Amino acid sequence: VKDWTPINAQAGFKKKIFFDGDNHTIYNFSCSQTKYPSFFGVLNGTVQNLIFDGVTLYETETDSSIGTIGGFSGTNKIQAIVRNVIVKNVKIQTKGLSTGSGSGFGAVAGQTQGDGNNFFGVKVSGFTINSTDPAKLPRNIGGLIGYVRGSGTYRDCHVENVSIVGSR
């Protein structure tokens, strides 16, 4: 899937999502669209039983939040539930545009917002951030989620093989 347009990327982010991948795999996924390059853009709802293998996400706008499932997962009004999701071989290519405190880069979600977001059985294997300007990496980086804003439950989640190329 090349240069995907996220499902919920229009301002207002009103789409309520329930997505069951039935344990299918999406191979060679890439996205450079919008402020929240990802599969959903903003995940308001549930994604479960899905595998991504070979993900490339590109930062193209300032103050972006970037992750495979969502740039944002959950908002102040609607929670995100991510269950039994595997992401493998994720690469975020950054130009150094998102250095502010509100940006987040993570293999699964750029950031979560609001209370009650839940991640269960989520696994990350292989996550790299490459910066064309090594002096400008985002302030909030995480193997699973770049920036957690609010409370939630994170159970049986595993991250391995993380690499950040550049410095801040």
N, C-alpha and C. Protein backbone atom coordinates (compact mmCIF):
# COMPACT_ATOMS: atom_id res chain seq x y z
N VAL A 1 0.87 -1.17 0.00
CA VAL A 1 0.00 0.00 0.00
C VAL A 1 0.91 1.23 0.00
N LYS A 2 0.96 1.91 -1.11
CA LYS A 2 1.87 3.05 -1.28
C LYS A 2 1.13 4.38 -1.15
N ASP A 3 1.72 5.29 -0.39
CA ASP A 3 1.23 6.65 -0.16
C ASP A 3 -0.27 6.70 0.16
N TRP A 4 -0.63 6.01 1.17
CA TRP A 4 -1.99 5.89 1.71
C TRP A 4 -2.51 7.24 2.19
N THR A 5 -3.78 7.50 1.98
CA THR A 5 -4.46 8.65 2.58
C THR A 5 -5.20 8.16 3.82
N PRO A 6 -4.86 8.64 4.99
CA PRO A 6 -5.49 8.15 6.22
C PRO A 6 -7.01 8.28 6.21
N ILE A 7 -7.67 7.34 6.85
CA ILE A 7 -9.13 7.23 6.86
C ILE A 7 -9.79 8.40 7.59
N ASN A 8 -9.21 8.86 8.67
CA ASN A 8 -9.82 9.92 9.49
C ASN A 8 -8.84 11.08 9.64
N ALA A 9 -8.55 11.74 8.53
CA ALA A 9 -7.54 12.78 8.54
C ALA A 9 -8.09 14.19 8.32
N GLN A 10 -9.39 14.30 8.11
CA GLN A 10 -9.98 15.62 7.90
C GLN A 10 -10.24 16.31 9.24
N ALA A 11 -9.94 17.58 9.31
CA ALA A 11 -10.14 18.34 10.55
C ALA A 11 -11.54 18.11 11.09
N GLY A 12 -11.61 17.95 12.39
CA GLY A 12 -12.84 17.58 13.06
C GLY A 12 -12.76 16.13 13.52
N PHE A 13 -12.10 15.28 12.71
CA PHE A 13 -11.79 13.90 13.06
C PHE A 13 -12.98 13.18 13.69
N LYS A 14 -14.13 13.24 13.00
CA LYS A 14 -15.39 12.77 13.57
C LYS A 14 -15.71 11.31 13.31
N LYS A 15 -14.93 10.63 12.49
CA LYS A 15 -15.25 9.25 12.18
C LYS A 15 -14.97 8.34 13.37
N LYS A 16 -15.98 7.62 13.80
CA LYS A 16 -15.85 6.61 14.86
C LYS A 16 -15.47 5.31 14.15
N ILE A 17 -14.40 4.69 14.61
CA ILE A 17 -13.81 3.56 13.89
C ILE A 17 -13.92 2.28 14.69
N PHE A 18 -14.32 1.21 14.02
CA PHE A 18 -14.14 -0.15 14.53
C PHE A 18 -13.57 -0.95 13.36
N PHE A 19 -12.32 -1.41 13.53
CA PHE A 19 -11.63 -2.10 12.46
C PHE A 19 -11.06 -3.40 12.99
N ASP A 20 -11.55 -4.54 12.51
CA ASP A 20 -11.02 -5.85 12.87
C ASP A 20 -10.30 -6.39 11.64
N GLY A 21 -8.98 -6.50 11.75
CA GLY A 21 -8.18 -6.96 10.63
C GLY A 21 -8.21 -8.46 10.40
N ASP A 22 -8.87 -9.20 11.29
CA ASP A 22 -9.00 -10.66 11.15
C ASP A 22 -7.64 -11.32 10.96
N ASN A 23 -6.61 -10.77 11.64
CA ASN A 23 -5.24 -11.28 11.61
C ASN A 23 -4.59 -11.24 10.23
N HIS A 24 -5.07 -10.37 9.35
CA HIS A 24 -4.44 -10.18 8.05
C HIS A 24 -3.22 -9.27 8.22
N THR A 25 -2.33 -9.33 7.23
CA THR A 25 -1.12 -8.52 7.23
C THR A 25 -1.16 -7.51 6.10
N ILE A 26 -0.82 -6.29 6.41
CA ILE A 26 -0.64 -5.24 5.41
C ILE A 26 0.87 -5.08 5.22
N TYR A 27 1.34 -5.34 4.01
CA TYR A 27 2.77 -5.28 3.70
C TYR A 27 3.11 -3.98 3.00
N ASN A 28 4.34 -3.49 3.27
CA ASN A 28 4.91 -2.35 2.56
C ASN A 28 3.97 -1.15 2.52
N PHE A 29 3.53 -0.77 3.70
CA PHE A 29 2.62 0.37 3.87
C PHE A 29 3.43 1.65 3.94
N SER A 30 3.01 2.68 3.20
CA SER A 30 3.67 3.98 3.32
C SER A 30 2.63 5.09 3.31
N CYS A 31 2.99 6.18 3.99
CA CYS A 31 2.09 7.33 4.07
C CYS A 31 2.90 8.60 4.27
N SER A 32 2.61 9.60 3.46
CA SER A 32 3.23 10.92 3.62
C SER A 32 2.14 11.99 3.67
N GLN A 33 0.91 11.55 3.80
CA GLN A 33 -0.24 12.46 3.75
C GLN A 33 -0.53 13.07 5.11
N THR A 34 -0.95 14.28 5.12
CA THR A 34 -1.50 15.02 6.26
C THR A 34 -0.51 15.26 7.39
N LYS A 35 -1.02 15.90 8.40
CA LYS A 35 -0.26 16.20 9.60
C LYS A 35 -0.07 14.95 10.47
N TYR A 36 -0.90 13.91 10.24
CA TYR A 36 -0.84 12.68 11.04
C TYR A 36 -0.65 11.46 10.14
N PRO A 37 0.52 11.33 9.50
CA PRO A 37 0.74 10.19 8.61
C PRO A 37 0.59 8.87 9.36
N SER A 38 -0.32 8.02 8.89
CA SER A 38 -0.65 6.78 9.58
C SER A 38 -1.77 6.09 8.80
N PHE A 39 -2.24 4.96 9.31
CA PHE A 39 -3.34 4.26 8.67
C PHE A 39 -4.67 5.00 8.88
N PHE A 40 -4.92 5.43 10.11
CA PHE A 40 -6.20 6.07 10.42
C PHE A 40 -6.14 7.59 10.48
N GLY A 41 -4.98 8.18 10.66
CA GLY A 41 -4.90 9.62 10.92
C GLY A 41 -5.14 9.84 12.39
N VAL A 42 -6.41 9.90 12.78
CA VAL A 42 -6.81 9.97 14.19
C VAL A 42 -7.70 8.76 14.45
N LEU A 43 -7.26 7.90 15.36
CA LEU A 43 -8.03 6.71 15.71
C LEU A 43 -8.99 7.05 16.84
N ASN A 44 -10.25 7.17 16.50
CA ASN A 44 -11.33 7.32 17.48
C ASN A 44 -12.10 6.01 17.47
N GLY A 45 -11.77 5.11 18.35
CA GLY A 45 -12.44 3.82 18.37
C GLY A 45 -11.46 2.69 18.53
N THR A 46 -11.73 1.58 17.84
CA THR A 46 -11.00 0.33 18.06
C THR A 46 -10.37 -0.19 16.78
N VAL A 47 -9.13 -0.67 16.91
CA VAL A 47 -8.48 -1.47 15.88
C VAL A 47 -7.95 -2.71 16.57
N GLN A 48 -8.15 -3.86 15.92
CA GLN A 48 -7.71 -5.11 16.54
C GLN A 48 -7.36 -6.15 15.48
N ASN A 49 -6.55 -7.13 15.93
CA ASN A 49 -6.21 -8.29 15.11
C ASN A 49 -5.65 -7.90 13.74
N LEU A 50 -4.60 -7.10 13.75
CA LEU A 50 -4.02 -6.58 12.51
C LEU A 50 -2.50 -6.61 12.60
N ILE A 51 -1.85 -6.89 11.48
CA ILE A 51 -0.39 -6.92 11.40
C ILE A 51 0.05 -5.99 10.28
N PHE A 52 1.06 -5.17 10.57
CA PHE A 52 1.73 -4.36 9.56
C PHE A 52 3.16 -4.85 9.47
N ASP A 53 3.67 -5.08 8.26
CA ASP A 53 5.05 -5.51 8.08
C ASP A 53 5.66 -4.69 6.95
N GLY A 54 6.61 -3.84 7.32
CA GLY A 54 7.25 -2.95 6.36
C GLY A 54 6.48 -1.66 6.24
N VAL A 55 6.75 -0.72 7.15
CA VAL A 55 6.02 0.55 7.21
C VAL A 55 7.00 1.70 7.05
N THR A 56 6.69 2.64 6.16
CA THR A 56 7.48 3.87 6.03
C THR A 56 6.53 5.05 6.11
N LEU A 57 6.80 5.92 7.08
CA LEU A 57 5.99 7.11 7.31
C LEU A 57 6.88 8.34 7.16
N TYR A 58 6.37 9.36 6.47
CA TYR A 58 7.16 10.54 6.17
C TYR A 58 6.57 11.77 6.84
N GLU A 59 7.42 12.51 7.50
CA GLU A 59 7.02 13.80 8.06
C GLU A 59 7.06 14.83 6.93
N THR A 60 5.90 15.46 6.66
CA THR A 60 5.84 16.46 5.59
C THR A 60 5.34 17.81 6.07
N GLU A 61 4.84 17.87 7.32
CA GLU A 61 4.30 19.13 7.86
C GLU A 61 4.90 19.40 9.23
N THR A 62 4.89 20.65 9.64
CA THR A 62 5.38 21.00 10.98
C THR A 62 4.42 20.48 12.04
N ASP A 63 4.98 20.22 13.21
CA ASP A 63 4.23 19.78 14.38
C ASP A 63 3.37 18.56 14.11
N SER A 64 3.93 17.60 13.40
CA SER A 64 3.23 16.35 13.10
C SER A 64 3.32 15.38 14.27
N SER A 65 2.36 14.47 14.34
CA SER A 65 2.44 13.29 15.19
C SER A 65 2.27 12.10 14.28
N ILE A 66 3.18 11.12 14.42
CA ILE A 66 3.28 10.06 13.45
C ILE A 66 3.35 8.70 14.13
N GLY A 67 2.55 7.74 13.64
CA GLY A 67 2.59 6.36 14.10
C GLY A 67 1.84 5.49 13.10
N THR A 68 2.13 4.20 13.09
CA THR A 68 1.53 3.30 12.10
C THR A 68 0.01 3.31 12.15
N ILE A 69 -0.56 3.15 13.34
CA ILE A 69 -2.01 3.08 13.49
C ILE A 69 -2.63 4.48 13.43
N GLY A 70 -2.07 5.41 14.20
CA GLY A 70 -2.61 6.77 14.20
C GLY A 70 -1.58 7.79 14.62
N GLY A 71 -1.63 8.97 13.99
CA GLY A 71 -0.84 10.08 14.50
C GLY A 71 -1.34 10.41 15.90
N PHE A 72 -2.66 10.40 16.03
CA PHE A 72 -3.34 10.50 17.32
C PHE A 72 -4.14 9.22 17.51
N SER A 73 -4.13 8.68 18.70
CA SER A 73 -5.00 7.56 19.06
C SER A 73 -5.80 8.00 20.27
N GLY A 74 -7.08 8.24 20.03
CA GLY A 74 -7.94 8.80 21.06
C GLY A 74 -7.91 10.31 21.02
N THR A 75 -9.02 10.90 21.41
CA THR A 75 -9.10 12.35 21.56
C THR A 75 -9.68 12.61 22.93
N ASN A 76 -9.89 13.84 23.26
CA ASN A 76 -10.45 14.15 24.57
C ASN A 76 -11.85 13.58 24.77
N LYS A 77 -12.55 13.28 23.68
CA LYS A 77 -13.93 12.82 23.80
C LYS A 77 -14.12 11.34 23.48
N ILE A 78 -13.26 10.76 22.65
CA ILE A 78 -13.42 9.38 22.23
C ILE A 78 -12.12 8.62 22.48
N GLN A 79 -12.23 7.47 23.13
CA GLN A 79 -11.05 6.68 23.46
C GLN A 79 -10.61 5.83 22.28
N ALA A 80 -9.35 5.41 22.34
CA ALA A 80 -8.80 4.46 21.38
C ALA A 80 -8.53 3.14 22.10
N ILE A 81 -8.88 2.05 21.42
CA ILE A 81 -8.54 0.72 21.91
C ILE A 81 -7.74 0.05 20.80
N VAL A 82 -6.53 -0.37 21.12
CA VAL A 82 -5.67 -1.07 20.18
C VAL A 82 -5.40 -2.43 20.81
N ARG A 83 -5.86 -3.49 20.12
CA ARG A 83 -5.80 -4.83 20.71
C ARG A 83 -5.25 -5.83 19.69
N ASN A 84 -4.25 -6.61 20.13
CA ASN A 84 -3.67 -7.66 19.29
C ASN A 84 -3.20 -7.13 17.94
N VAL A 85 -2.37 -6.10 18.00
CA VAL A 85 -1.80 -5.49 16.80
C VAL A 85 -0.29 -5.68 16.84
N ILE A 86 0.28 -6.06 15.70
CA ILE A 86 1.72 -6.24 15.56
C ILE A 86 2.20 -5.29 14.46
N VAL A 87 3.25 -4.54 14.76
CA VAL A 87 3.90 -3.71 13.73
C VAL A 87 5.37 -4.11 13.67
N LYS A 88 5.83 -4.37 12.44
CA LYS A 88 7.20 -4.82 12.24
C LYS A 88 7.87 -3.95 11.18
N ASN A 89 9.14 -3.67 11.43
CA ASN A 89 9.97 -2.97 10.44
C ASN A 89 9.36 -1.61 10.06
N VAL A 90 9.22 -0.77 11.08
CA VAL A 90 8.65 0.57 10.91
C VAL A 90 9.78 1.58 10.78
N LYS A 91 9.67 2.46 9.80
CA LYS A 91 10.65 3.54 9.64
C LYS A 91 9.91 4.86 9.51
N ILE A 92 10.30 5.83 10.32
CA ILE A 92 9.80 7.20 10.18
C ILE A 92 10.95 8.05 9.65
N GLN A 93 10.68 8.73 8.55
CA GLN A 93 11.67 9.62 7.95
C GLN A 93 11.27 11.06 8.29
N THR A 94 12.12 11.73 9.07
CA THR A 94 11.80 13.09 9.51
C THR A 94 12.75 14.11 8.88
N LYS A 95 12.20 15.28 8.63
CA LYS A 95 12.98 16.40 8.11
C LYS A 95 13.33 17.38 9.24
N GLY A 96 12.88 17.09 10.45
CA GLY A 96 13.15 17.99 11.57
C GLY A 96 12.14 19.12 11.67
N LEU A 97 10.92 18.90 11.17
CA LEU A 97 9.90 19.94 11.20
C LEU A 97 9.07 19.93 12.49
N SER A 98 9.12 18.82 13.24
CA SER A 98 8.22 18.64 14.38
C SER A 98 8.99 18.58 15.69
N THR A 99 9.60 19.68 16.06
CA THR A 99 10.42 19.70 17.26
C THR A 99 9.69 20.28 18.46
N GLY A 100 8.45 20.70 18.30
CA GLY A 100 7.69 21.30 19.39
C GLY A 100 7.24 20.28 20.42
N SER A 101 6.78 20.77 21.55
CA SER A 101 6.40 19.88 22.65
C SER A 101 5.12 19.11 22.37
N GLY A 102 4.33 19.49 21.37
CA GLY A 102 3.08 18.80 21.08
C GLY A 102 3.17 17.69 20.06
N SER A 103 4.36 17.41 19.56
CA SER A 103 4.53 16.38 18.54
C SER A 103 4.96 15.06 19.20
N GLY A 104 4.64 13.94 18.53
CA GLY A 104 5.07 12.65 19.03
C GLY A 104 5.27 11.67 17.88
N PHE A 105 6.33 10.89 17.96
CA PHE A 105 6.62 9.85 16.97
C PHE A 105 6.71 8.53 17.71
N GLY A 106 5.89 7.56 17.31
CA GLY A 106 5.93 6.22 17.89
C GLY A 106 5.66 5.18 16.82
N ALA A 107 6.09 3.95 17.05
CA ALA A 107 5.88 2.90 16.05
C ALA A 107 4.39 2.60 15.86
N VAL A 108 3.60 2.68 16.94
CA VAL A 108 2.17 2.38 16.84
C VAL A 108 1.34 3.66 16.79
N ALA A 109 1.58 4.58 17.71
CA ALA A 109 0.83 5.84 17.75
C ALA A 109 1.78 7.00 18.02
N GLY A 110 1.54 8.10 17.33
CA GLY A 110 2.34 9.30 17.60
C GLY A 110 2.06 9.82 18.99
N GLN A 111 0.78 9.85 19.33
CA GLN A 111 0.41 10.23 20.69
C GLN A 111 -1.00 9.78 21.02
N THR A 112 -1.25 9.64 22.30
CA THR A 112 -2.60 9.41 22.80
C THR A 112 -3.03 10.67 23.51
N GLN A 113 -4.32 10.92 23.49
CA GLN A 113 -4.83 12.10 24.18
C GLN A 113 -6.12 11.74 24.89
N GLY A 114 -6.28 12.26 26.08
CA GLY A 114 -7.47 11.97 26.87
C GLY A 114 -7.28 10.75 27.74
N ASP A 115 -8.24 10.49 28.59
CA ASP A 115 -8.18 9.36 29.51
C ASP A 115 -8.91 8.16 28.93
N GLY A 116 -8.47 6.97 29.33
CA GLY A 116 -9.17 5.75 28.97
C GLY A 116 -8.69 5.07 27.70
N ASN A 117 -7.57 5.49 27.13
CA ASN A 117 -7.03 4.80 25.97
C ASN A 117 -6.41 3.48 26.42
N ASN A 118 -6.63 2.41 25.67
CA ASN A 118 -6.19 1.09 26.07
C ASN A 118 -5.43 0.39 24.95
N PHE A 119 -4.27 -0.14 25.30
CA PHE A 119 -3.45 -0.91 24.38
C PHE A 119 -3.21 -2.27 25.02
N PHE A 120 -3.66 -3.34 24.35
CA PHE A 120 -3.54 -4.70 24.88
C PHE A 120 -2.91 -5.60 23.83
N GLY A 121 -1.87 -6.33 24.21
CA GLY A 121 -1.26 -7.29 23.30
C GLY A 121 -0.68 -6.66 22.05
N VAL A 122 -0.07 -5.50 22.20
CA VAL A 122 0.52 -4.78 21.06
C VAL A 122 2.02 -5.05 21.04
N LYS A 123 2.53 -5.42 19.85
CA LYS A 123 3.94 -5.77 19.74
C LYS A 123 4.60 -4.99 18.61
N VAL A 124 5.82 -4.51 18.90
CA VAL A 124 6.63 -3.78 17.92
C VAL A 124 7.95 -4.52 17.78
N SER A 125 8.33 -4.81 16.55
CA SER A 125 9.62 -5.44 16.29
C SER A 125 10.29 -4.70 15.14
N GLY A 126 11.26 -3.88 15.48
CA GLY A 126 11.98 -3.11 14.48
C GLY A 126 11.36 -1.75 14.24
N PHE A 127 11.98 -0.71 14.80
CA PHE A 127 11.48 0.66 14.67
C PHE A 127 12.67 1.59 14.54
N THR A 128 12.72 2.35 13.46
CA THR A 128 13.83 3.27 13.20
C THR A 128 13.28 4.65 12.87
N ILE A 129 13.91 5.66 13.45
CA ILE A 129 13.64 7.05 13.06
C ILE A 129 14.92 7.59 12.42
N ASN A 130 14.81 8.05 11.18
CA ASN A 130 15.92 8.66 10.47
C ASN A 130 15.61 10.14 10.28
N SER A 131 16.59 10.96 10.58
CA SER A 131 16.40 12.40 10.42
C SER A 131 17.36 12.95 9.38
N THR A 132 16.83 13.74 8.44
CA THR A 132 17.70 14.41 7.48
C THR A 132 18.43 15.57 8.13
N ASP A 133 17.95 16.00 9.29
CA ASP A 133 18.64 17.01 10.09
C ASP A 133 18.80 16.44 11.50
N PRO A 134 19.94 15.76 11.77
CA PRO A 134 20.11 15.06 13.04
C PRO A 134 20.00 15.94 14.28
N ALA A 135 20.11 17.25 14.12
CA ALA A 135 19.99 18.13 15.28
C ALA A 135 18.53 18.43 15.62
N LYS A 136 17.61 17.98 14.77
CA LYS A 136 16.19 18.31 14.97
C LYS A 136 15.33 17.05 14.98
N LEU A 137 15.29 16.41 16.12
CA LEU A 137 14.39 15.28 16.32
C LEU A 137 13.22 15.74 17.17
N PRO A 138 12.07 15.10 17.06
CA PRO A 138 10.93 15.49 17.89
C PRO A 138 11.25 15.29 19.37
N ARG A 139 10.62 16.08 20.19
CA ARG A 139 10.84 16.03 21.63
C ARG A 139 10.29 14.75 22.25
N ASN A 140 9.24 14.21 21.67
CA ASN A 140 8.56 13.04 22.24
C ASN A 140 8.64 11.85 21.29
N ILE A 141 9.47 10.86 21.66
CA ILE A 141 9.66 9.66 20.86
C ILE A 141 9.48 8.46 21.78
N GLY A 142 8.77 7.44 21.29
CA GLY A 142 8.62 6.21 22.05
C GLY A 142 8.51 5.02 21.12
N GLY A 143 8.94 3.86 21.59
CA GLY A 143 8.86 2.66 20.78
C GLY A 143 7.43 2.25 20.48
N LEU A 144 6.54 2.45 21.43
CA LEU A 144 5.12 2.11 21.25
C LEU A 144 4.33 3.37 20.91
N ILE A 145 4.40 4.37 21.79
CA ILE A 145 3.68 5.65 21.64
C ILE A 145 4.68 6.77 21.88
N GLY A 146 4.65 7.79 21.03
CA GLY A 146 5.58 8.90 21.18
C GLY A 146 5.29 9.78 22.38
N TYR A 147 4.02 10.05 22.63
CA TYR A 147 3.66 11.00 23.68
C TYR A 147 2.31 10.56 24.26
N VAL A 148 2.31 10.20 25.53
CA VAL A 148 1.08 9.80 26.22
C VAL A 148 0.55 11.01 26.97
N ARG A 149 -0.63 11.47 26.56
CA ARG A 149 -1.27 12.63 27.20
C ARG A 149 -2.58 12.15 27.81
N GLY A 150 -2.60 11.94 29.11
CA GLY A 150 -3.76 11.40 29.79
C GLY A 150 -3.44 10.01 30.32
N SER A 151 -4.44 9.37 30.88
CA SER A 151 -4.23 8.05 31.47
C SER A 151 -4.78 6.96 30.56
N GLY A 152 -4.34 5.75 30.79
CA GLY A 152 -4.81 4.62 30.01
C GLY A 152 -4.28 3.33 30.59
N THR A 153 -4.60 2.24 29.94
CA THR A 153 -4.12 0.93 30.35
C THR A 153 -3.28 0.36 29.22
N TYR A 154 -2.09 -0.09 29.56
CA TYR A 154 -1.15 -0.65 28.60
C TYR A 154 -0.71 -2.00 29.16
N ARG A 155 -1.23 -3.08 28.56
CA ARG A 155 -0.99 -4.40 29.11
C ARG A 155 -0.49 -5.35 28.02
N ASP A 156 0.53 -6.15 28.38
CA ASP A 156 1.10 -7.14 27.47
C ASP A 156 1.57 -6.50 26.16
N CYS A 157 2.25 -5.37 26.28
CA CYS A 157 2.82 -4.68 25.12
C CYS A 157 4.33 -4.87 25.14
N HIS A 158 4.93 -5.12 23.96
CA HIS A 158 6.36 -5.39 23.88
C HIS A 158 6.97 -4.62 22.72
N VAL A 159 8.19 -4.10 22.95
CA VAL A 159 8.92 -3.36 21.92
C VAL A 159 10.34 -3.89 21.88
N GLU A 160 10.86 -4.14 20.65
CA GLU A 160 12.25 -4.57 20.52
C GLU A 160 12.85 -3.97 19.26
N ASN A 161 14.17 -3.81 19.29
CA ASN A 161 14.95 -3.33 18.14
C ASN A 161 14.54 -1.92 17.70
N VAL A 162 14.82 -0.95 18.56
CA VAL A 162 14.54 0.46 18.28
C VAL A 162 15.84 1.18 17.97
N SER A 163 15.84 2.03 16.93
CA SER A 163 17.03 2.77 16.54
C SER A 163 16.62 4.20 16.18
N ILE A 164 17.33 5.17 16.74
CA ILE A 164 17.11 6.58 16.40
C ILE A 164 18.40 7.11 15.82
N VAL A 165 18.34 7.57 14.58
CA VAL A 165 19.52 8.04 13.89
C VAL A 165 19.47 9.56 13.88
N GLY A 166 20.37 10.19 14.63
CA GLY A 166 20.40 11.63 14.80
C GLY A 166 20.57 11.95 16.26
N SER A 167 20.52 13.21 16.61
CA SER A 167 20.64 13.60 18.02
C SER A 167 19.81 14.84 18.27
N ARG A 168 19.50 15.06 19.53
CA ARG A 168 18.72 16.24 19.90
C ARG A 168 19.46 16.98 20.96
